[in-house]
Amino acid sequence: MERPILVLCIDRDNDLYEKAGVNGPLIGREKNLKGATALALADPEDPDSNAIFYAVKIFDQMRKEGHSVEIVTLTGNKSLGYRADKEISNQLDKIVVELNPSSCVLISDGASDEEIVPIVKSRIKIDSTKIIFIKQAKELEKTYFVLLEKLKDPYYAKTVLGIPALLIILLSISSYMGLGWEIVGIIAGLYLLLRVFGVDEVAATVLKDFRFSFERTSWIGYIGALAVFSIAAFMAYQSFQTGTSSGLSGEKLLALVVGNISWIVFTGLFVIMVSKSVDAVMDKKKYIVTKYMLYTAAAGLATFVLLVGSSWIVNLYEPYVDFGTFLASIALSIFLGYFITSVISWYRKEILLDMKIEGKEAISERGAYLGKIVGVDAKKGRIVIQTLFEKKYTVPISAVSSVDDNVILKSSD
């Protein structure tokens, strides 16, 4: 029997199910027509229905030309990323086993080619690729859909929408407090500088760990921390009033406020870290505790430097702090930071070596599938990963961000 050519259409975000209630994969001309019609009726503007209709057209043309051909539409997941690609991979594996196609014609709406093509190529030869656009200005149409898809990704949304929102809030607060626009310019400049060095991504990764849920003991810590942060806000207002009445302005006023609330903010953060550590211990996830230990140490050292620095800038009360003492505090913090990081890294490595991570799937922090862990080299401190193409490579144990059902690795970029 002649092996068929596959006319392959892929709905990566699973609009077929989310909008029309149609389960994938769709195999055969009749099921694809019904699915495309249902999706077009549910959302006439969705490009996936146009792609499926075009796939049916290609299927009919190839069958008239005498080719052995079959049509299939695969579906992913609404969350996109790793989950969508994994679902598509599973469906495609089953299709290849059942139909044993010789090659395929890939029909795409153009929105996710970079993510889809490698998955398909790893399992079946692609003879041709056709990108379908709704008949308007093609470049404008493509740009519209790319922008729309990118804005669904928090990584891009925080840049396009987050920065203007932050500027509006800061300008409003500054205007209300009569501080002028200069302070806003300083904060915005610092924020953009932090983005250049990727500090905002680290902060975003940290904040993802702190999710409120009454089903976990950490909610008690969140409530306590909220009370502490409220006290910090009150203290900041009082310090601002006191500093203003004392004739302080500019950097001295800012330093007074920061110095008075730094230790209070650290106390709130410490309460949260302890509660999250309790959650991790109860869930038997000791590896995550090391991350909270590192966060606590970093927050403590930063608080120490801020307290000494603010005292040096204000210098209203004894004991007076000179610039040399401030530099010494920075040097001490760097030394302690290096020492604490080394100890925590050693402890983290020991925990990881005791865990059975072989066979788990490795995923980047952005949700990209990296491969399957096939071994741990304890002597070299590296993890061995095998890709979908059965190629092996290693990453340092320090790249592990967290361990659950999967092993999350820090992005190298």
Protein backbone atom coordinates (compact mmCIF):
# COMPACT_ATOMS: atom_id res chain seq x y z
CA MET A 1 0.00 0.00 0.00
CA GLU A 2 1.33 3.43 -0.97
CA ARG A 3 2.29 5.65 1.96
CA PRO A 4 0.09 8.78 2.02
CA ILE A 5 1.18 12.39 1.89
CA LEU A 6 -0.14 14.26 4.91
CA VAL A 7 -1.86 17.63 4.52
CA LEU A 8 -1.08 18.93 8.00
CA CYS A 9 -2.72 21.91 9.67
CA ILE A 10 -1.90 22.93 13.26
CA ASP A 11 -4.03 24.92 15.71
CA ARG A 12 -1.35 25.64 18.29
CA ASP A 13 -3.53 27.57 20.77
CA ASN A 14 -6.39 25.04 20.47
CA ASP A 15 -9.04 27.55 19.36
CA LEU A 16 -11.02 24.62 17.96
CA TYR A 17 -11.80 23.48 21.49
CA GLU A 18 -11.68 26.81 23.33
CA LYS A 19 -14.05 28.59 20.93
CA ALA A 20 -16.02 25.84 19.18
CA GLY A 21 -15.81 22.88 21.57
CA VAL A 22 -14.20 20.63 18.93
CA ASN A 23 -11.63 18.14 20.19
CA GLY A 24 -8.47 17.44 18.22
CA PRO A 25 -6.87 15.92 16.34
CA LEU A 26 -9.17 16.11 13.31
CA ILE A 27 -8.50 13.25 10.87
CA GLY A 28 -10.17 13.11 7.48
CA ARG A 29 -11.90 15.56 5.17
CA GLU A 30 -15.33 15.42 6.81
CA LYS A 31 -14.09 16.04 10.36
CA ASN A 32 -11.88 18.92 9.22
CA LEU A 33 -14.75 20.58 7.33
CA LYS A 34 -17.05 20.26 10.34
CA GLY A 35 -14.38 21.58 12.69
CA ALA A 36 -13.50 24.55 10.47
CA THR A 37 -17.17 25.42 10.01
CA ALA A 38 -17.83 25.28 13.75
CA LEU A 39 -14.82 27.50 14.46
CA ALA A 40 -15.76 29.98 11.71
CA LEU A 41 -19.26 30.30 13.17
CA ALA A 42 -17.91 30.74 16.69
CA ASP A 43 -15.32 33.33 15.63
CA PRO A 44 -15.38 34.43 11.97
CA GLU A 45 -12.14 36.40 12.45
CA ASP A 46 -10.08 33.44 13.68
CA PRO A 47 -7.34 32.61 11.12
CA ASP A 48 -7.27 28.92 12.08
CA SER A 49 -10.57 28.23 10.31
CA ASN A 50 -9.19 29.76 7.10
CA ALA A 51 -6.10 27.58 7.39
CA ILE A 52 -8.20 24.41 7.78
CA PHE A 53 -10.42 25.32 4.83
CA TYR A 54 -7.31 25.87 2.71
CA ALA A 55 -5.94 22.52 3.89
CA VAL A 56 -9.15 20.86 2.67
CA LYS A 57 -8.72 22.61 -0.70
CA ILE A 58 -5.13 21.32 -1.01
CA PHE A 59 -6.32 17.84 -0.02
CA ASP A 60 -8.96 17.84 -2.78
CA GLN A 61 -6.49 19.09 -5.40
CA MET A 62 -3.87 16.46 -4.54
CA ARG A 63 -6.43 13.67 -4.52
CA LYS A 64 -7.65 14.72 -8.01
CA GLU A 65 -4.03 14.58 -9.20
CA GLY A 66 -3.91 10.95 -8.12
CA HIS A 67 -1.83 11.29 -4.96
CA SER A 68 -2.40 9.10 -1.91
CA VAL A 69 -3.22 11.82 0.59
CA GLU A 70 -4.75 12.31 4.06
CA ILE A 71 -5.67 15.49 5.94
CA VAL A 72 -5.07 16.05 9.66
CA THR A 73 -5.42 19.04 11.98
CA LEU A 74 -3.49 18.90 15.24
CA THR A 75 -4.39 20.95 18.32
CA GLY A 76 -2.16 22.34 21.08
CA ASN A 77 -3.02 24.18 24.28
CA LYS A 78 -4.42 27.65 25.00
CA SER A 79 -1.43 28.46 27.26
CA LEU A 80 0.94 28.01 24.27
CA GLY A 81 4.60 27.38 25.13
CA TYR A 82 5.71 23.97 26.34
CA ARG A 83 2.21 22.58 26.98
CA ALA A 84 1.03 23.34 23.45
CA ASP A 85 4.17 21.93 21.81
CA LYS A 86 4.05 18.80 23.97
CA GLU A 87 0.42 18.13 23.03
CA ILE A 88 1.16 18.67 19.34
CA SER A 89 4.16 16.33 19.59
CA ASN A 90 2.08 13.59 21.21
CA GLN A 91 -0.68 13.84 18.60
CA LEU A 92 1.81 13.89 15.74
CA ASP A 93 3.60 10.81 17.09
CA LYS A 94 0.31 8.88 17.09
CA ILE A 95 -0.58 10.06 13.58
CA VAL A 96 2.82 9.01 12.21
CA VAL A 97 2.43 5.55 13.76
CA GLU A 98 -1.14 5.07 12.53
CA LEU A 99 -0.86 6.53 9.01
CA ASN A 100 2.87 6.05 8.29
CA PRO A 101 2.98 9.07 5.93
CA SER A 102 5.86 9.55 3.51
CA SER A 103 5.91 13.34 3.89
CA CYS A 104 3.61 16.28 4.58
CA VAL A 105 2.38 19.61 3.31
CA LEU A 106 2.27 22.04 6.24
CA ILE A 107 -0.53 24.62 6.25
CA SER A 108 0.02 27.51 8.66
CA ASP A 109 -1.55 30.82 9.61
CA GLY A 110 1.98 32.20 9.97
CA ALA A 111 1.72 33.04 13.67
CA SER A 112 3.90 30.26 15.12
CA ASP A 113 6.09 28.93 12.30
CA GLU A 114 9.32 29.19 14.27
CA GLU A 115 7.90 26.97 17.02
CA ILE A 116 5.95 24.50 14.84
CA VAL A 117 8.33 23.68 11.98
CA PRO A 118 11.10 22.11 14.11
CA ILE A 119 8.57 19.85 15.86
CA VAL A 120 7.16 18.60 12.56
CA LYS A 121 10.57 18.23 10.90
CA SER A 122 11.79 16.03 13.73
CA ARG A 123 9.13 13.44 12.88
CA ILE A 124 8.26 13.77 9.19
CA LYS A 125 9.66 15.33 6.01
CA ILE A 126 8.03 18.60 4.95
CA ASP A 127 7.53 18.87 1.17
CA SER A 128 5.91 22.29 1.21
CA THR A 129 4.73 25.01 3.56
CA LYS A 130 1.84 27.36 2.86
CA ILE A 131 1.06 30.41 4.99
CA ILE A 132 -2.56 31.56 4.88
CA PHE A 133 -3.57 35.20 5.31
CA ILE A 134 -7.03 36.73 5.33
CA LYS A 135 -7.20 38.75 2.09
CA GLN A 136 -6.23 42.20 3.21
CA ALA A 137 -2.81 43.84 3.07
CA LYS A 138 -0.71 40.76 3.78
CA GLU A 139 2.16 42.45 5.60
CA LEU A 140 -0.24 44.49 7.72
CA GLU A 141 -2.27 41.38 8.46
CA LYS A 142 0.80 39.45 9.49
CA THR A 143 2.03 42.33 11.64
CA TYR A 144 -1.36 42.58 13.33
CA PHE A 145 -1.45 38.91 14.27
CA VAL A 146 2.18 38.88 15.40
CA LEU A 147 1.58 41.90 17.66
CA LEU A 148 -1.63 40.38 18.99
CA GLU A 149 0.10 37.10 19.81
CA LYS A 150 3.09 38.83 21.37
CA LEU A 151 0.88 40.94 23.62
CA LYS A 152 -0.58 37.70 25.02
CA ASP A 153 2.91 36.89 26.26
CA PRO A 154 3.62 38.62 29.62
CA TYR A 155 7.26 38.95 28.63
CA TYR A 156 6.35 41.41 25.85
CA ALA A 157 3.18 42.85 27.41
CA LYS A 158 5.11 44.21 30.39
CA THR A 159 7.27 46.22 27.97
CA VAL A 160 4.58 47.54 25.62
CA LEU A 161 1.97 48.19 28.33
CA GLY A 162 3.89 48.01 31.59
CA ILE A 163 6.37 50.85 31.06
CA PRO A 164 3.74 53.46 30.02
CA ALA A 165 1.53 52.35 32.95
CA LEU A 166 4.47 52.72 35.34
CA LEU A 167 5.26 56.21 34.04
CA ILE A 168 1.63 57.32 34.38
CA ILE A 169 1.47 56.07 37.99
CA LEU A 170 4.78 57.67 38.94
CA LEU A 171 3.89 61.01 37.32
CA SER A 172 0.52 61.01 39.10
CA ILE A 173 2.10 60.27 42.50
CA SER A 174 4.86 62.81 41.94
CA SER A 175 2.37 65.49 40.93
CA TYR A 176 0.17 64.74 43.96
CA MET A 177 3.12 65.00 46.36
CA GLY A 178 4.58 68.06 44.60
CA LEU A 179 7.93 66.40 43.84
CA GLY A 180 8.19 67.42 40.19
CA TRP A 181 9.05 65.28 37.20
CA GLU A 182 12.78 64.90 38.01
CA ILE A 183 12.24 62.08 40.51
CA VAL A 184 10.14 60.24 37.93
CA GLY A 185 12.94 60.59 35.39
CA ILE A 186 15.43 59.10 37.87
CA ILE A 187 13.19 56.13 38.69
CA ALA A 188 12.34 55.49 35.04
CA GLY A 189 16.03 55.70 34.08
CA LEU A 190 16.98 53.24 36.82
CA TYR A 191 14.22 50.88 35.73
CA LEU A 192 15.36 50.93 32.11
CA LEU A 193 18.94 50.37 33.24
CA LEU A 194 17.83 47.35 35.29
CA ARG A 195 16.06 46.00 32.20
CA VAL A 196 19.29 46.26 30.22
CA PHE A 197 21.03 44.00 32.74
CA GLY A 198 18.05 41.63 33.02
CA VAL A 199 17.36 42.40 36.69
CA ASP A 200 13.64 42.82 35.96
CA GLU A 201 13.46 39.25 34.63
CA VAL A 202 15.04 37.94 37.81
CA ALA A 203 12.54 39.94 39.87
CA ALA A 204 9.64 38.63 37.77
CA THR A 205 10.86 35.06 38.26
CA VAL A 206 11.01 35.64 42.00
CA LEU A 207 7.51 37.13 42.16
CA LYS A 208 6.03 34.13 40.33
CA ASP A 209 6.82 32.03 43.38
CA PHE A 210 4.57 34.10 45.61
CA ARG A 211 1.01 33.10 44.82
CA PHE A 212 -1.75 33.55 47.37
CA SER A 213 -3.82 30.49 48.25
CA PHE A 214 -5.82 29.64 51.39
CA GLU A 215 -5.00 25.98 50.75
CA ARG A 216 -1.36 26.59 51.72
CA THR A 217 0.09 27.71 55.02
CA SER A 218 1.93 30.59 53.33
CA TRP A 219 -1.26 32.67 53.31
CA ILE A 220 -0.68 33.33 57.02
CA GLY A 221 2.73 34.76 56.19
CA TYR A 222 1.24 36.89 53.42
CA ILE A 223 -1.29 38.40 55.83
CA GLY A 224 1.45 39.10 58.37
CA ALA A 225 3.70 40.60 55.70
CA LEU A 226 0.86 42.79 54.45
CA ALA A 227 0.48 44.21 57.96
CA VAL A 228 4.23 44.85 58.15
CA PHE A 229 4.27 46.52 54.71
CA SER A 230 1.36 48.71 55.80
CA ILE A 231 3.43 49.84 58.78
CA ALA A 232 6.32 50.52 56.40
CA ALA A 233 4.07 52.71 54.23
CA PHE A 234 2.92 54.64 57.31
CA MET A 235 6.53 55.05 58.47
CA ALA A 236 7.53 56.27 55.00
CA TYR A 237 4.82 58.95 55.13
CA GLN A 238 5.81 60.00 58.64
CA SER A 239 9.49 60.13 57.68
CA PHE A 240 8.66 62.25 54.65
CA GLN A 241 6.69 64.68 56.81
CA THR A 242 9.43 64.82 59.45
CA GLY A 243 12.15 65.32 56.86
CA THR A 244 10.21 68.06 55.09
CA SER A 245 9.56 69.93 58.35
CA SER A 246 13.29 69.64 59.20
CA GLY A 247 14.21 71.31 55.93
CA LEU A 248 15.49 68.20 54.17
CA SER A 249 15.02 67.82 50.42
CA GLY A 250 16.31 65.89 47.46
CA GLU A 251 18.64 62.98 48.19
CA LYS A 252 18.69 63.60 51.95
CA LEU A 253 14.92 63.37 52.20
CA LEU A 254 14.88 60.22 50.09
CA ALA A 255 17.68 58.68 52.15
CA LEU A 256 15.82 59.44 55.39
CA VAL A 257 12.69 57.68 54.14
CA VAL A 258 14.61 54.67 52.80
CA GLY A 259 16.67 54.34 55.97
CA ASN A 260 13.61 54.38 58.22
CA ILE A 261 11.66 51.74 56.31
CA SER A 262 14.37 49.37 55.02
CA TRP A 263 14.47 47.12 58.07
CA ILE A 264 10.66 47.04 58.27
CA VAL A 265 10.38 45.97 54.61
CA PHE A 266 13.02 43.30 55.24
CA THR A 267 10.99 42.00 58.18
CA GLY A 268 7.95 41.60 55.92
CA LEU A 269 10.03 39.80 53.29
CA PHE A 270 11.52 37.53 55.97
CA VAL A 271 8.04 36.55 57.16
CA ILE A 272 7.07 35.61 53.59
CA MET A 273 10.26 33.58 53.05
CA VAL A 274 9.72 31.62 56.25
CA SER A 275 6.11 30.81 55.31
CA LYS A 276 7.13 29.74 51.79
CA SER A 277 9.87 27.55 53.27
CA VAL A 278 7.30 25.88 55.51
CA ASP A 279 5.20 25.15 52.40
CA ALA A 280 8.20 23.63 50.63
CA VAL A 281 9.09 21.41 53.61
CA MET A 282 5.50 20.19 53.93
CA ASP A 283 5.48 19.41 50.18
CA LYS A 284 8.80 17.55 50.60
CA LYS A 285 10.56 19.97 48.25
CA LYS A 286 13.74 20.79 50.16
CA TYR A 287 15.41 21.99 46.99
CA ILE A 288 13.10 25.00 46.81
CA VAL A 289 13.99 25.98 50.39
CA THR A 290 17.51 26.81 49.24
CA LYS A 291 16.07 29.35 46.84
CA TYR A 292 14.22 31.11 49.67
CA MET A 293 17.39 31.02 51.78
CA LEU A 294 19.22 32.80 48.96
CA TYR A 295 16.43 35.39 48.62
CA THR A 296 16.53 36.06 52.37
CA ALA A 297 20.30 36.49 52.39
CA ALA A 298 20.18 38.86 49.41
CA ALA A 299 17.41 40.93 51.00
CA GLY A 300 19.29 41.07 54.32
CA LEU A 301 22.55 42.24 52.75
CA ALA A 302 20.75 44.81 50.59
CA THR A 303 18.98 46.13 53.70
CA PHE A 304 22.31 46.42 55.53
CA VAL A 305 23.87 48.44 52.70
CA LEU A 306 20.79 50.67 52.39
CA LEU A 307 20.80 51.40 56.13
CA VAL A 308 24.49 52.34 56.17
CA GLY A 309 24.20 54.30 52.92
CA SER A 310 21.17 56.28 54.05
CA SER A 311 22.89 57.07 57.38
CA TRP A 312 25.93 58.37 55.48
CA ILE A 313 23.79 60.61 53.25
CA VAL A 314 21.58 62.04 56.03
CA ASN A 315 24.10 62.10 58.96
CA LEU A 316 21.73 63.93 61.32
CA TYR A 317 22.16 61.73 64.36
CA GLU A 318 24.97 59.90 66.10
CA PRO A 319 26.77 57.63 65.38
CA TYR A 320 27.83 59.56 62.30
CA VAL A 321 28.81 57.52 59.24
CA ASP A 322 31.60 58.57 56.89
CA PHE A 323 32.15 57.50 53.28
CA GLY A 324 34.84 54.99 54.29
CA THR A 325 32.39 53.16 56.53
CA PHE A 326 29.88 53.04 53.68
CA LEU A 327 32.51 51.54 51.35
CA ALA A 328 33.46 49.04 54.07
CA SER A 329 29.82 47.97 54.38
CA ILE A 330 29.67 47.33 50.63
CA ALA A 331 32.89 45.29 50.73
CA LEU A 332 31.61 43.29 53.72
CA SER A 333 28.31 42.62 51.95
CA ILE A 334 30.12 41.38 48.83
CA PHE A 335 32.25 39.01 50.93
CA LEU A 336 29.29 37.72 52.93
CA GLY A 337 27.23 37.39 49.74
CA TYR A 338 29.92 35.28 48.09
CA PHE A 339 30.32 33.11 51.19
CA ILE A 340 26.57 32.60 51.69
CA THR A 341 26.00 31.86 48.00
CA SER A 342 28.79 29.27 48.02
CA VAL A 343 27.37 27.52 51.08
CA ILE A 344 23.82 27.50 49.71
CA SER A 345 25.03 26.28 46.29
CA TRP A 346 26.90 23.41 47.96
CA TYR A 347 23.82 22.49 50.01
CA ARG A 348 21.61 22.73 46.91
CA LYS A 349 23.94 20.44 44.97
CA GLU A 350 23.87 17.84 47.77
CA ILE A 351 20.06 17.89 47.83
CA LEU A 352 19.83 17.59 44.04
CA LEU A 353 22.21 14.62 43.94
CA ASP A 354 19.97 12.80 46.44
CA MET A 355 16.89 13.40 44.27
CA LYS A 356 15.93 11.07 41.45
CA ILE A 357 15.68 13.45 38.49
CA GLU A 358 16.68 10.98 35.77
CA GLY A 359 13.80 10.55 33.35
CA LYS A 360 12.27 13.96 34.14
CA GLU A 361 11.79 16.50 31.38
CA ALA A 362 13.91 19.64 31.37
CA ILE A 363 12.11 22.93 30.65
CA SER A 364 13.41 26.49 30.49
CA GLU A 365 11.93 29.19 32.74
CA ARG A 366 10.05 30.53 29.69
CA GLY A 367 8.38 27.16 29.06
CA ALA A 368 10.53 25.87 26.18
CA TYR A 369 11.10 22.12 26.08
CA LEU A 370 14.83 21.34 26.37
CA GLY A 371 14.87 17.56 26.49
CA LYS A 372 14.88 14.63 28.92
CA ILE A 373 17.38 14.25 31.76
CA VAL A 374 19.26 10.97 31.25
CA GLY A 375 21.94 11.29 33.91
CA VAL A 376 23.74 13.33 36.57
CA ASP A 377 27.53 13.58 36.66
CA ALA A 378 28.20 14.13 40.36
CA LYS A 379 31.96 14.61 39.99
CA LYS A 380 31.69 17.33 37.37
CA GLY A 381 28.49 18.75 38.84
CA ARG A 382 26.61 18.58 35.54
CA ILE A 383 23.27 17.25 34.30
CA VAL A 384 23.06 15.25 31.06
CA ILE A 385 20.09 16.13 28.80
CA GLN A 386 18.93 14.31 25.67
CA THR A 387 17.03 16.32 23.04
CA LEU A 388 14.21 15.19 20.75
CA PHE A 389 16.88 14.50 18.13
CA GLU A 390 18.64 12.13 20.57
CA LYS A 391 21.61 14.46 20.93
CA LYS A 392 23.10 14.82 24.39
CA TYR A 393 24.54 17.88 26.10
CA THR A 394 25.26 18.91 29.67
CA VAL A 395 24.38 21.87 31.86
CA PRO A 396 25.73 22.74 35.31
CA ILE A 397 23.69 21.71 38.33
CA SER A 398 23.60 25.39 39.29
CA ALA A 399 21.32 25.99 36.26
CA VAL A 400 18.47 24.15 38.00
CA SER A 401 15.86 26.65 39.15
CA SER A 402 13.32 24.24 40.67
CA VAL A 403 12.33 20.59 40.66
CA ASP A 404 8.76 19.34 40.52
CA ASP A 405 7.15 17.04 37.95
CA ASN A 406 9.67 18.65 35.58
CA VAL A 407 13.10 20.18 36.11
CA ILE A 408 13.09 23.93 35.42
CA LEU A 409 16.40 25.31 34.14
CA LYS A 410 17.49 28.93 34.14
CA SER A 411 17.58 30.51 30.69
CA SER A 412 21.11 30.84 29.36
CA ASP A 413 20.24 34.07 27.54
